[in-house]
Amino acid sequence: MRPLDGLIHYILEHGAHHVNMGIPLYRLKEAQSRLTATLDERLNSEVFTWRYYWNTVRRCKLLRFRAARVDGFDGRITSQPLVQGR
């Protein structure tokens, strides 16, 4: 998988992306290494497999921050408002 990492700009270094989405793709590998060194056993990491990937994509949802809700990729609302009064 390592040769592919450079080709896809280390996007699979995903934990760092979720901590700070402003990290440029070319810095994700370094950021993920620092995150792993800091959190060690508290960090939940998965080994990439296509099965794991497709299962995640199937279950993944989109956070609509301004609407304070979670939607599916098909646009259907999948949660109640996450903040009262919306």
PDB file of N, CA and C in Angstrom:
ATOM      1  N   MET A   1       0.817  -1.198   0.000  1.00  0.00           N
ATOM      2  CA  MET A   1       0.000   0.000   0.000  1.00  0.00           C
ATOM      3  C   MET A   1       0.862   1.263   0.000  1.00  0.00           C
ATOM      4  N   ARG A   2       2.076   1.211   0.477  1.00  0.00           N
ATOM      5  CA  ARG A   2       2.908   2.405   0.588  1.00  0.00           C
ATOM      6  C   ARG A   2       3.119   3.135  -0.734  1.00  0.00           C
ATOM      7  N   PRO A   3       3.388   2.463  -1.870  1.00  0.00           N
ATOM      8  CA  PRO A   3       3.545   3.216  -3.111  1.00  0.00           C
ATOM      9  C   PRO A   3       2.275   4.005  -3.472  1.00  0.00           C
ATOM     10  N   LEU A   4       1.124   3.476  -3.115  1.00  0.00           N
ATOM     11  CA  LEU A   4      -0.129   4.150  -3.404  1.00  0.00           C
ATOM     12  C   LEU A   4      -0.290   5.414  -2.563  1.00  0.00           C
ATOM     13  N   ASP A   5       0.269   5.421  -1.347  1.00  0.00           N
ATOM     14  CA  ASP A   5       0.119   6.576  -0.456  1.00  0.00           C
ATOM     15  C   ASP A   5       0.524   7.881  -1.123  1.00  0.00           C
ATOM     16  N   GLY A   6       1.690   7.904  -1.746  1.00  0.00           N
ATOM     17  CA  GLY A   6       2.147   9.123  -2.404  1.00  0.00           C
ATOM     18  C   GLY A   6       1.234   9.533  -3.535  1.00  0.00           C
ATOM     19  N   LEU A   7       0.734   8.550  -4.249  1.00  0.00           N
ATOM     20  CA  LEU A   7      -0.151   8.819  -5.377  1.00  0.00           C
ATOM     21  C   LEU A   7      -1.467   9.456  -4.930  1.00  0.00           C
ATOM     22  N   ILE A   8      -1.985   9.020  -3.779  1.00  0.00           N
ATOM     23  CA  ILE A   8      -3.251   9.569  -3.281  1.00  0.00           C
ATOM     24  C   ILE A   8      -3.025  10.585  -2.161  1.00  0.00           C
ATOM     25  N   HIS A   9      -1.801  11.118  -2.107  1.00  0.00           N
ATOM     26  CA  HIS A   9      -1.461  12.217  -1.197  1.00  0.00           C
ATOM     27  C   HIS A   9      -1.694  11.894   0.271  1.00  0.00           C
ATOM     28  N   TYR A  10      -1.466  10.654   0.654  1.00  0.00           N
ATOM     29  CA  TYR A  10      -1.532  10.219   2.055  1.00  0.00           C
ATOM     30  C   TYR A  10      -2.909  10.427   2.692  1.00  0.00           C
ATOM     31  N   ILE A  11      -3.944  10.434   1.894  1.00  0.00           N
ATOM     32  CA  ILE A  11      -5.288  10.668   2.422  1.00  0.00           C
ATOM     33  C   ILE A  11      -5.719   9.564   3.391  1.00  0.00           C
ATOM     34  N   LEU A  12      -5.088   8.393   3.317  1.00  0.00           N
ATOM     35  CA  LEU A  12      -5.446   7.322   4.257  1.00  0.00           C
ATOM     36  C   LEU A  12      -4.900   7.586   5.657  1.00  0.00           C
ATOM     37  N   GLU A  13      -4.082   8.601   5.821  1.00  0.00           N
ATOM     38  CA  GLU A  13      -3.643   9.035   7.148  1.00  0.00           C
ATOM     39  C   GLU A  13      -4.797   9.862   7.713  1.00  0.00           C
ATOM     40  N   HIS A  14      -5.896   9.197   7.927  1.00  0.00           N
ATOM     41  CA  HIS A  14      -7.171   9.852   8.110  1.00  0.00           C
ATOM     42  C   HIS A  14      -7.422  10.435   9.494  1.00  0.00           C
ATOM     43  N   GLY A  15      -6.831   9.855  10.518  1.00  0.00           N
ATOM     44  CA  GLY A  15      -7.052  10.376  11.872  1.00  0.00           C
ATOM     45  C   GLY A  15      -6.634  11.830  11.990  1.00  0.00           C
ATOM     46  N   ALA A  16      -5.473  12.146  11.456  1.00  0.00           N
ATOM     47  CA  ALA A  16      -4.979  13.527  11.505  1.00  0.00           C
ATOM     48  C   ALA A  16      -5.927  14.457  10.748  1.00  0.00           C
ATOM     49  N   HIS A  17      -6.489  13.974   9.668  1.00  0.00           N
ATOM     50  CA  HIS A  17      -7.446  14.768   8.894  1.00  0.00           C
ATOM     51  C   HIS A  17      -8.662  15.129   9.747  1.00  0.00           C
ATOM     52  N   HIS A  18      -9.125  14.207  10.578  1.00  0.00           N
ATOM     53  CA  HIS A  18     -10.290  14.478  11.410  1.00  0.00           C
ATOM     54  C   HIS A  18      -9.961  15.389  12.588  1.00  0.00           C
ATOM     55  N   VAL A  19      -8.734  15.347  13.051  1.00  0.00           N
ATOM     56  CA  VAL A  19      -8.337  16.256  14.127  1.00  0.00           C
ATOM     57  C   VAL A  19      -8.264  17.685  13.606  1.00  0.00           C
ATOM     58  N   ASN A  20      -7.734  17.844  12.398  1.00  0.00           N
ATOM     59  CA  ASN A  20      -7.623  19.177  11.806  1.00  0.00           C
ATOM     60  C   ASN A  20      -7.745  19.044  10.294  1.00  0.00           C
ATOM     61  N   MET A  21      -8.910  19.377   9.765  1.00  0.00           N
ATOM     62  CA  MET A  21      -9.142  19.242   8.327  1.00  0.00           C
ATOM     63  C   MET A  21      -8.353  20.253   7.519  1.00  0.00           C
ATOM     64  N   GLY A  22      -7.696  21.194   8.163  1.00  0.00           N
ATOM     65  CA  GLY A  22      -6.892  22.183   7.466  1.00  0.00           C
ATOM     66  C   GLY A  22      -5.473  21.725   7.169  1.00  0.00           C
ATOM     67  N   ILE A  23      -5.096  20.544   7.626  1.00  0.00           N
ATOM     68  CA  ILE A  23      -3.753  20.039   7.345  1.00  0.00           C
ATOM     69  C   ILE A  23      -3.654  19.721   5.858  1.00  0.00           C
ATOM     70  N   PRO A  24      -2.675  20.299   5.174  1.00  0.00           N
ATOM     71  CA  PRO A  24      -2.528  19.992   3.742  1.00  0.00           C
ATOM     72  C   PRO A  24      -2.238  18.498   3.536  1.00  0.00           C
ATOM     73  N   LEU A  25      -2.699  17.960   2.422  1.00  0.00           N
ATOM     74  CA  LEU A  25      -2.495  16.539   2.138  1.00  0.00           C
ATOM     75  C   LEU A  25      -1.037  16.142   2.230  1.00  0.00           C
ATOM     76  N   TYR A  26      -0.135  16.969   1.761  1.00  0.00           N
ATOM     77  CA  TYR A  26       1.282  16.614   1.769  1.00  0.00           C
ATOM     78  C   TYR A  26       1.885  16.612   3.175  1.00  0.00           C
ATOM     79  N   ARG A  27       1.128  17.050   4.172  1.00  0.00           N
ATOM     80  CA  ARG A  27       1.608  17.024   5.564  1.00  0.00           C
ATOM     81  C   ARG A  27       0.885  15.973   6.414  1.00  0.00           C
ATOM     82  N   LEU A  28      -0.046  15.241   5.822  1.00  0.00           N
ATOM     83  CA  LEU A  28      -0.825  14.268   6.594  1.00  0.00           C
ATOM     84  C   LEU A  28       0.026  13.158   7.197  1.00  0.00           C
ATOM     85  N   LYS A  29       0.992  12.650   6.452  1.00  0.00           N
ATOM     86  CA  LYS A  29       1.819  11.566   6.978  1.00  0.00           C
ATOM     87  C   LYS A  29       2.552  12.008   8.243  1.00  0.00           C
ATOM     88  N   GLU A  30       3.154  13.177   8.207  1.00  0.00           N
ATOM     89  CA  GLU A  30       3.856  13.710   9.372  1.00  0.00           C
ATOM     90  C   GLU A  30       2.877  13.963  10.529  1.00  0.00           C
ATOM     91  N   ALA A  31       1.734  14.548  10.225  1.00  0.00           N
ATOM     92  CA  ALA A  31       0.732  14.837  11.261  1.00  0.00           C
ATOM     93  C   ALA A  31       0.217  13.550  11.899  1.00  0.00           C
ATOM     94  N   GLN A  32      -0.018  12.517  11.071  1.00  0.00           N
ATOM     95  CA  GLN A  32      -0.490  11.245  11.611  1.00  0.00           C
ATOM     96  C   GLN A  32       0.563  10.614  12.508  1.00  0.00           C
ATOM     97  N   SER A  33       1.823  10.709  12.133  1.00  0.00           N
ATOM     98  CA  SER A  33       2.912  10.171  12.971  1.00  0.00           C
ATOM     99  C   SER A  33       2.946  10.869  14.317  1.00  0.00           C
ATOM    100  N   ARG A  34       2.789  12.181  14.315  1.00  0.00           N
ATOM    101  CA  ARG A  34       2.794  12.933  15.576  1.00  0.00           C
ATOM    102  C   ARG A  34       1.577  12.587  16.421  1.00  0.00           C
ATOM    103  N   LEU A  35       0.434  12.431  15.777  1.00  0.00           N
ATOM    104  CA  LEU A  35      -0.786  12.048  16.492  1.00  0.00           C
ATOM    105  C   LEU A  35      -0.632  10.677  17.136  1.00  0.00           C
ATOM    106  N   THR A  36      -0.097   9.734  16.385  1.00  0.00           N
ATOM    107  CA  THR A  36       0.115   8.378  16.898  1.00  0.00           C
ATOM    108  C   THR A  36       1.090   8.397  18.070  1.00  0.00           C
ATOM    109  N   ALA A  37       2.175   9.162  17.972  1.00  0.00           N
ATOM    110  CA  ALA A  37       3.156   9.246  19.054  1.00  0.00           C
ATOM    111  C   ALA A  37       2.545   9.862  20.307  1.00  0.00           C
ATOM    112  N   THR A  38       1.624  10.784  20.127  1.00  0.00           N
ATOM    113  CA  THR A  38       0.996  11.467  21.263  1.00  0.00           C
ATOM    114  C   THR A  38      -0.064  10.607  21.932  1.00  0.00           C
ATOM    115  N   LEU A  39      -0.890   9.945  21.144  1.00  0.00           N
ATOM    116  CA  LEU A  39      -2.034   9.213  21.693  1.00  0.00           C
ATOM    117  C   LEU A  39      -1.782   7.716  21.881  1.00  0.00           C
ATOM    118  N   ASP A  40      -0.766   7.186  21.299  1.00  0.00           N
ATOM    119  CA  ASP A  40      -0.391   5.775  21.285  1.00  0.00           C
ATOM    120  C   ASP A  40      -1.558   4.822  21.496  1.00  0.00           C
ATOM    121  N   GLU A  41      -1.734   4.252  22.682  1.00  0.00           N
ATOM    122  CA  GLU A  41      -2.759   3.211  22.883  1.00  0.00           C
ATOM    123  C   GLU A  41      -4.188   3.735  22.858  1.00  0.00           C
ATOM    124  N   ARG A  42      -4.390   5.024  22.981  1.00  0.00           N
ATOM    125  CA  ARG A  42      -5.750   5.584  22.947  1.00  0.00           C
ATOM    126  C   ARG A  42      -6.255   5.776  21.528  1.00  0.00           C
ATOM    127  N   LEU A  43      -5.380   5.643  20.550  1.00  0.00           N
ATOM    128  CA  LEU A  43      -5.732   5.853  19.149  1.00  0.00           C
ATOM    129  C   LEU A  43      -6.269   4.557  18.559  1.00  0.00           C
ATOM    130  N   ASN A  44      -7.464   4.618  18.025  1.00  0.00           N
ATOM    131  CA  ASN A  44      -8.059   3.448  17.382  1.00  0.00           C
ATOM    132  C   ASN A  44      -7.659   3.453  15.917  1.00  0.00           C
ATOM    133  N   SER A  45      -6.860   2.488  15.531  1.00  0.00           N
ATOM    134  CA  SER A  45      -6.343   2.421  14.164  1.00  0.00           C
ATOM    135  C   SER A  45      -6.763   1.116  13.521  1.00  0.00           C
ATOM    136  N   GLU A  46      -7.089   1.174  12.257  1.00  0.00           N
ATOM    137  CA  GLU A  46      -7.471  -0.017  11.507  1.00  0.00           C
ATOM    138  C   GLU A  46      -6.487  -0.234  10.367  1.00  0.00           C
ATOM    139  N   VAL A  47      -6.190  -1.479  10.091  1.00  0.00           N
ATOM    140  CA  VAL A  47      -5.382  -1.802   8.928  1.00  0.00           C
ATOM    141  C   VAL A  47      -6.283  -1.719   7.705  1.00  0.00           C
ATOM    142  N   PHE A  48      -5.826  -1.032   6.670  1.00  0.00           N
ATOM    143  CA  PHE A  48      -6.638  -0.860   5.487  1.00  0.00           C
ATOM    144  C   PHE A  48      -6.843  -2.181   4.760  1.00  0.00           C
ATOM    145  N   THR A  49      -8.105  -2.488   4.505  1.00  0.00           N
ATOM    146  CA  THR A  49      -8.481  -3.565   3.591  1.00  0.00           C
ATOM    147  C   THR A  49      -9.640  -3.018   2.772  1.00  0.00           C
ATOM    148  N   TRP A  50      -9.822  -3.560   1.586  1.00  0.00           N
ATOM    149  CA  TRP A  50     -10.942  -3.097   0.771  1.00  0.00           C
ATOM    150  C   TRP A  50     -12.270  -3.412   1.436  1.00  0.00           C
ATOM    151  N   ARG A  51     -12.344  -4.527   2.125  1.00  0.00           N
ATOM    152  CA  ARG A  51     -13.585  -4.880   2.832  1.00  0.00           C
ATOM    153  C   ARG A  51     -13.900  -3.836   3.899  1.00  0.00           C
ATOM    154  N   TYR A  52     -12.911  -3.471   4.708  1.00  0.00           N
ATOM    155  CA  TYR A  52     -13.098  -2.460   5.744  1.00  0.00           C
ATOM    156  C   TYR A  52     -13.499  -1.123   5.104  1.00  0.00           C
ATOM    157  N   TYR A  53     -12.825  -0.744   4.017  1.00  0.00           N
ATOM    158  CA  TYR A  53     -13.116   0.507   3.335  1.00  0.00           C
ATOM    159  C   TYR A  53     -14.565   0.562   2.860  1.00  0.00           C
ATOM    160  N   TRP A  54     -15.007  -0.464   2.134  1.00  0.00           N
ATOM    161  CA  TRP A  54     -16.368  -0.442   1.588  1.00  0.00           C
ATOM    162  C   TRP A  54     -17.424  -0.502   2.691  1.00  0.00           C
ATOM    163  N   ASN A  55     -17.145  -1.198   3.777  1.00  0.00           N
ATOM    164  CA  ASN A  55     -18.064  -1.219   4.910  1.00  0.00           C
ATOM    165  C   ASN A  55     -18.189   0.177   5.525  1.00  0.00           C
ATOM    166  N   THR A  56     -17.074   0.871   5.637  1.00  0.00           N
ATOM    167  CA  THR A  56     -17.096   2.233   6.179  1.00  0.00           C
ATOM    168  C   THR A  56     -17.849   3.174   5.255  1.00  0.00           C
ATOM    169  N   VAL A  57     -17.573   3.102   3.965  1.00  0.00           N
ATOM    170  CA  VAL A  57     -18.253   3.965   3.000  1.00  0.00           C
ATOM    171  C   VAL A  57     -19.758   3.713   3.020  1.00  0.00           C
ATOM    172  N   ARG A  58     -20.143   2.462   3.149  1.00  0.00           N
ATOM    173  CA  ARG A  58     -21.565   2.115   3.180  1.00  0.00           C
ATOM    174  C   ARG A  58     -22.266   2.741   4.388  1.00  0.00           C
ATOM    175  N   ARG A  59     -21.584   2.805   5.517  1.00  0.00           N
ATOM    176  CA  ARG A  59     -22.193   3.309   6.744  1.00  0.00           C
ATOM    177  C   ARG A  59     -21.948   4.791   6.992  1.00  0.00           C
ATOM    178  N   CYS A  60     -21.084   5.399   6.216  1.00  0.00           N
ATOM    179  CA  CYS A  60     -20.666   6.776   6.441  1.00  0.00           C
ATOM    180  C   CYS A  60     -21.831   7.748   6.222  1.00  0.00           C
ATOM    181  N   LYS A  61     -21.816   8.818   6.960  1.00  0.00           N
ATOM    182  CA  LYS A  61     -22.838   9.858   6.869  1.00  0.00           C
ATOM    183  C   LYS A  61     -22.165  11.213   6.757  1.00  0.00           C
ATOM    184  N   LEU A  62     -22.932  12.230   6.434  1.00  0.00           N
ATOM    185  CA  LEU A  62     -22.427  13.589   6.299  1.00  0.00           C
ATOM    186  C   LEU A  62     -22.976  14.473   7.417  1.00  0.00           C
ATOM    187  N   LEU A  63     -22.094  15.150   8.116  1.00  0.00           N
ATOM    188  CA  LEU A  63     -22.513  16.101   9.146  1.00  0.00           C
ATOM    189  C   LEU A  63     -22.824  17.421   8.467  1.00  0.00           C
ATOM    190  N   ARG A  64     -24.068  17.860   8.598  1.00  0.00           N
ATOM    191  CA  ARG A  64     -24.498  19.167   8.079  1.00  0.00           C
ATOM    192  C   ARG A  64     -24.395  20.145   9.236  1.00  0.00           C
ATOM    193  N   PHE A  65     -23.232  20.778   9.343  1.00  0.00           N
ATOM    194  CA  PHE A  65     -22.919  21.598  10.514  1.00  0.00           C
ATOM    195  C   PHE A  65     -23.935  22.706  10.736  1.00  0.00           C
ATOM    196  N   ARG A  66     -24.231  23.474   9.705  1.00  0.00           N
ATOM    197  CA  ARG A  66     -25.161  24.607   9.882  1.00  0.00           C
ATOM    198  C   ARG A  66     -26.573  24.148  10.198  1.00  0.00           C
ATOM    199  N   ALA A  67     -26.970  23.026   9.658  1.00  0.00           N
ATOM    200  CA  ALA A  67     -28.310  22.494   9.935  1.00  0.00           C
ATOM    201  C   ALA A  67     -28.326  21.667  11.216  1.00  0.00           C
ATOM    202  N   ALA A  68     -27.146  21.391  11.792  1.00  0.00           N
ATOM    203  CA  ALA A  68     -27.005  20.620  13.031  1.00  0.00           C
ATOM    204  C   ALA A  68     -27.686  19.266  12.930  1.00  0.00           C
ATOM    205  N   ARG A  69     -27.392  18.546  11.839  1.00  0.00           N
ATOM    206  CA  ARG A  69     -27.959  17.213  11.677  1.00  0.00           C
ATOM    207  C   ARG A  69     -27.007  16.359  10.842  1.00  0.00           C
ATOM    208  N   VAL A  70     -27.338  15.083  10.755  1.00  0.00           N
ATOM    209  CA  VAL A  70     -26.561  14.142   9.961  1.00  0.00           C
ATOM    210  C   VAL A  70     -27.435  13.637   8.826  1.00  0.00           C
ATOM    211  N   ASP A  71     -26.891  13.669   7.606  1.00  0.00           N
ATOM    212  CA  ASP A  71     -27.604  13.193   6.420  1.00  0.00           C
ATOM    213  C   ASP A  71     -26.852  12.018   5.809  1.00  0.00           C
ATOM    214  N   GLY A  72     -27.578  11.195   5.078  1.00  0.00           N
ATOM    215  CA  GLY A  72     -26.944  10.159   4.277  1.00  0.00           C
ATOM    216  C   GLY A  72     -26.424  10.768   2.988  1.00  0.00           C
ATOM    217  N   PHE A  73     -25.608  10.021   2.253  1.00  0.00           N
ATOM    218  CA  PHE A  73     -25.084  10.524   0.990  1.00  0.00           C
ATOM    219  C   PHE A  73     -26.190  10.755  -0.038  1.00  0.00           C
ATOM    220  N   ASP A  74     -27.335  10.129   0.169  1.00  0.00           N
ATOM    221  CA  ASP A  74     -28.444  10.315  -0.767  1.00  0.00           C
ATOM    222  C   ASP A  74     -29.258  11.569  -0.457  1.00  0.00           C
ATOM    223  N   GLY A  75     -28.864  12.322   0.589  1.00  0.00           N
ATOM    224  CA  GLY A  75     -29.545  13.559   0.942  1.00  0.00           C
ATOM    225  C   GLY A  75     -30.640  13.400   1.974  1.00  0.00           C
ATOM    226  N   ARG A  76     -30.977  12.151   2.323  1.00  0.00           N
ATOM    227  CA  ARG A  76     -32.014  11.947   3.348  1.00  0.00           C
ATOM    228  C   ARG A  76     -31.469  12.288   4.727  1.00  0.00           C
ATOM    229  N   ILE A  77     -32.292  12.946   5.539  1.00  0.00           N
ATOM    230  CA  ILE A  77     -31.922  13.267   6.912  1.00  0.00           C
ATOM    231  C   ILE A  77     -31.923  11.985   7.719  1.00  0.00           C
ATOM    232  N   THR A  78     -30.824  11.721   8.447  1.00  0.00           N
ATOM    233  CA  THR A  78     -30.727  10.468   9.203  1.00  0.00           C
ATOM    234  C   THR A  78     -30.640  10.705  10.710  1.00  0.00           C
ATOM    235  N   SER A  79     -30.825  11.943  11.154  1.00  0.00           N
ATOM    236  CA  SER A  79     -30.796  12.206  12.589  1.00  0.00           C
ATOM    237  C   SER A  79     -31.771  13.316  12.929  1.00  0.00           C
ATOM    238  N   GLN A  80     -32.115  13.372  14.182  1.00  0.00           N
ATOM    239  CA  GLN A  80     -32.846  14.518  14.709  1.00  0.00           C
ATOM    240  C   GLN A  80     -31.850  15.679  14.798  1.00  0.00           C
ATOM    241  N   PRO A  81     -32.331  16.922  14.899  1.00  0.00           N
ATOM    242  CA  PRO A  81     -31.390  18.032  15.075  1.00  0.00           C
ATOM    243  C   PRO A  81     -30.454  17.755  16.263  1.00  0.00           C
ATOM    244  N   LEU A  82     -29.179  18.014  16.083  1.00  0.00           N
ATOM    245  CA  LEU A  82     -28.181  17.743  17.118  1.00  0.00           C
ATOM    246  C   LEU A  82     -28.148  18.840  18.169  1.00  0.00           C
ATOM    247  N   VAL A  83     -28.808  19.969  17.884  1.00  0.00           N
ATOM    248  CA  VAL A  83     -28.874  21.093  18.802  1.00  0.00           C
ATOM    249  C   VAL A  83     -30.338  21.437  18.980  1.00  0.00           C
ATOM    250  N   GLN A  84     -30.769  21.649  20.211  1.00  0.00           N
ATOM    251  CA  GLN A  84     -32.171  21.984  20.461  1.00  0.00           C
ATOM    252  C   GLN A  84     -32.511  23.338  19.837  1.00  0.00           C
ATOM    253  N   GLY A  85     -33.736  23.485  19.364  1.00  0.00           N
ATOM    254  CA  GLY A  85     -34.196  24.732  18.812  1.00  0.00           C
ATOM    255  C   GLY A  85     -33.982  24.880  17.313  1.00  0.00           C
ATOM    256  N   ARG A  86     -33.522  23.816  16.642  1.00  0.00           N
ATOM    257  CA  ARG A  86     -33.324  23.893  15.181  1.00  0.00           C
ATOM    258  C   ARG A  86     -34.247  22.943  14.484  1.00  0.00           C
TER     259      ARG A  86
END
